[in-house]
Amino acid sequence: MSYATENDLIRKWGAAQVDLAAFDDATQARDALRIAAALAAGEAMMNGYFGKRYALPIDAAPDGVILLRNLCCDLAMGELSNTPGSRNDIVKEAVEAARKFLSDVALGRADVPQNPPPGSPAPAIPSPNEAIVAANDRTFTRNRLRTM
């Protein structure tokens, strides 16, 4: 399972930034093989962190798919932007944030939203008509009445 595609990378970072990072002088165009290799490297790094806690490939919920796609695109852009002209502070910060999040996942401080396993009960959803009772602590209790 691939976490991101070349189109996802372009959508996240923009065609101009991807062209700058993956430009091939010989063909005078964007190098699709280099982009695919960078996406594969990002995916491999993510699986290295996720392998400690999750069964691979990850069966992510829709929110988790978005998270995985963005992480993979950030790591791939960091992999592509290994020249001084194409690596800027925004790319550096995105890669650092992605690696920090991945280490938090590996340590159990963060989580990737997952689809529930087949056959598991659906999570309880509170009814919008359910009454919520809020009250102060009891003023008169047995212990407080005995001391009076």
Protein backbone atom coordinates (compact mmCIF):
# COMPACT_ATOMS: atom_id res chain seq x y z
CA MET A 1 0.00 0.00 0.00
CA SER A 2 1.41 3.33 -1.01
CA TYR A 3 0.75 6.23 1.34
CA ALA A 4 1.08 8.92 -1.33
CA THR A 5 1.41 9.38 -5.08
CA GLU A 6 3.15 11.92 -7.28
CA ASN A 7 -0.15 13.80 -7.65
CA ASP A 8 -0.52 13.94 -3.87
CA LEU A 9 2.98 15.40 -3.62
CA ILE A 10 2.15 18.04 -6.23
CA ARG A 11 -1.14 18.86 -4.51
CA LYS A 12 0.60 19.29 -1.15
CA TRP A 13 3.74 21.16 -2.23
CA GLY A 14 2.79 22.71 -5.56
CA ALA A 15 4.07 21.92 -9.04
CA ALA A 16 6.76 24.61 -8.96
CA GLN A 17 8.33 23.30 -5.74
CA VAL A 18 8.21 19.67 -6.92
CA ASP A 19 9.69 20.67 -10.29
CA LEU A 20 12.53 22.47 -8.54
CA ALA A 21 13.24 19.54 -6.24
CA ALA A 22 12.95 16.74 -8.84
CA PHE A 23 14.30 18.47 -11.93
CA ASP A 24 16.39 16.31 -14.24
CA ASP A 25 18.96 18.28 -16.25
CA ALA A 26 19.24 15.61 -18.94
CA THR A 27 15.54 15.55 -19.83
CA GLN A 28 14.77 19.12 -18.77
CA ALA A 29 11.66 17.86 -16.95
CA ARG A 30 10.44 16.51 -13.63
CA ASP A 31 11.98 13.08 -12.91
CA ALA A 32 9.11 10.69 -12.09
CA LEU A 33 11.50 7.89 -11.05
CA ARG A 34 13.22 10.14 -8.54
CA ILE A 35 9.82 11.17 -7.13
CA ALA A 36 8.72 7.53 -6.87
CA ALA A 37 11.97 6.67 -5.07
CA ALA A 38 11.50 9.55 -2.62
CA LEU A 39 7.90 8.48 -1.90
CA ALA A 40 9.08 4.90 -1.36
CA ALA A 41 11.80 6.12 1.02
CA GLY A 42 9.23 8.14 2.97
CA GLU A 43 6.93 5.12 3.16
CA ALA A 44 9.78 2.89 4.33
CA MET A 45 10.68 5.35 7.07
CA MET A 46 7.06 5.55 8.20
CA ASN A 47 6.74 1.75 8.25
CA GLY A 48 9.89 1.59 10.35
CA TYR A 49 8.20 3.67 13.03
CA PHE A 50 4.75 2.09 12.62
CA GLY A 51 6.01 -1.49 12.70
CA LYS A 52 6.46 -1.27 16.47
CA ARG A 53 2.77 -0.62 17.13
CA TYR A 54 0.69 -1.54 14.09
CA ALA A 55 0.21 -4.46 11.75
CA LEU A 56 1.43 -3.41 8.33
CA PRO A 57 -0.06 -2.33 5.98
CA ILE A 58 -2.04 0.07 8.13
CA ASP A 59 -5.81 -0.04 7.73
CA ALA A 60 -6.30 3.65 8.40
CA ALA A 61 -9.60 5.44 8.84
CA PRO A 62 -10.32 8.35 6.46
CA ASP A 63 -8.67 10.81 8.87
CA GLY A 64 -5.70 8.48 9.16
CA VAL A 65 -5.34 8.25 5.37
CA ILE A 66 -5.04 12.04 5.17
CA LEU A 67 -2.48 12.02 7.98
CA LEU A 68 -0.41 9.28 6.34
CA ARG A 69 -0.53 11.01 2.95
CA ASN A 70 0.68 14.31 4.38
CA LEU A 71 3.47 12.67 6.38
CA CYS A 72 4.68 10.74 3.35
CA CYS A 73 4.61 13.84 1.15
CA ASP A 74 6.63 15.82 3.69
CA LEU A 75 9.24 13.09 4.05
CA ALA A 76 9.44 12.63 0.28
CA MET A 77 9.92 16.36 -0.27
CA GLY A 78 12.74 16.28 2.26
CA GLU A 79 14.28 13.38 0.36
CA LEU A 80 13.94 15.20 -2.97
CA SER A 81 15.19 18.53 -1.64
CA ASN A 82 18.73 17.48 -0.88
CA THR A 83 20.29 20.32 -2.85
CA PRO A 84 20.81 23.78 -1.36
CA GLY A 85 18.68 25.50 -4.00
CA SER A 86 15.60 23.38 -3.44
CA ARG A 87 15.69 22.89 0.33
CA ASN A 88 14.18 25.79 2.21
CA ASP A 89 13.15 26.35 5.81
CA ILE A 90 9.56 25.29 5.15
CA VAL A 91 10.69 21.88 3.87
CA LYS A 92 13.12 21.47 6.78
CA GLU A 93 10.41 22.30 9.33
CA ALA A 94 7.92 19.95 7.67
CA VAL A 95 10.40 17.07 7.72
CA GLU A 96 11.31 17.74 11.35
CA ALA A 97 7.64 17.86 12.33
CA ALA A 98 6.93 14.61 10.47
CA ARG A 99 9.82 12.84 12.18
CA LYS A 100 8.75 14.17 15.57
CA PHE A 101 5.22 12.90 15.01
CA LEU A 102 6.52 9.50 13.89
CA SER A 103 8.67 9.19 17.00
CA ASP A 104 5.65 10.14 19.13
CA VAL A 105 3.64 7.39 17.42
CA ALA A 106 6.41 4.87 18.05
CA LEU A 107 6.53 5.88 21.74
CA GLY A 108 2.74 5.72 22.09
CA ARG A 109 2.19 9.45 22.62
CA ALA A 110 0.34 9.86 19.31
CA ASP A 111 -1.86 7.60 17.26
CA VAL A 112 -2.96 7.01 13.67
CA PRO A 113 -6.77 6.71 13.39
CA GLN A 114 -7.58 3.13 12.39
CA ASN A 115 -10.62 1.36 11.03
CA PRO A 116 -12.11 -0.98 13.64
CA PRO A 117 -11.33 -4.66 13.09
CA PRO A 118 -14.08 -6.65 11.35
CA GLY A 119 -16.66 -7.99 13.79
CA SER A 120 -15.86 -5.51 16.54
CA PRO A 121 -18.77 -3.59 18.05
CA ALA A 122 -19.39 -0.09 16.78
CA PRO A 123 -18.24 2.67 19.12
CA ALA A 124 -20.96 4.04 21.35
CA ILE A 125 -22.23 7.35 20.04
CA PRO A 126 -24.02 9.47 22.62
CA SER A 127 -27.55 10.43 21.71
CA PRO A 128 -28.11 14.12 21.00
CA ASN A 129 -31.22 13.88 23.21
CA GLU A 130 -29.36 12.43 26.18
CA ALA A 131 -29.71 14.51 29.33
CA ILE A 132 -26.54 15.82 30.89
CA VAL A 133 -26.69 16.45 34.61
CA ALA A 134 -24.24 18.81 36.25
CA ALA A 135 -24.37 19.52 39.96
CA ASN A 136 -22.24 20.82 42.78
CA ASP A 137 -20.74 18.55 45.42
CA ARG A 138 -23.14 17.44 48.14
CA THR A 139 -23.31 19.94 50.97
CA PHE A 140 -24.68 17.61 53.63
CA THR A 141 -23.05 14.21 53.92
CA ARG A 142 -22.86 11.79 56.85
CA ASN A 143 -19.33 12.80 57.70
CA ARG A 144 -20.08 16.51 57.56
CA LEU A 145 -23.24 16.20 59.70
CA ARG A 146 -21.42 14.23 62.39
CA THR A 147 -18.82 16.97 62.87
CA MET A 148 -21.39 19.71 63.27
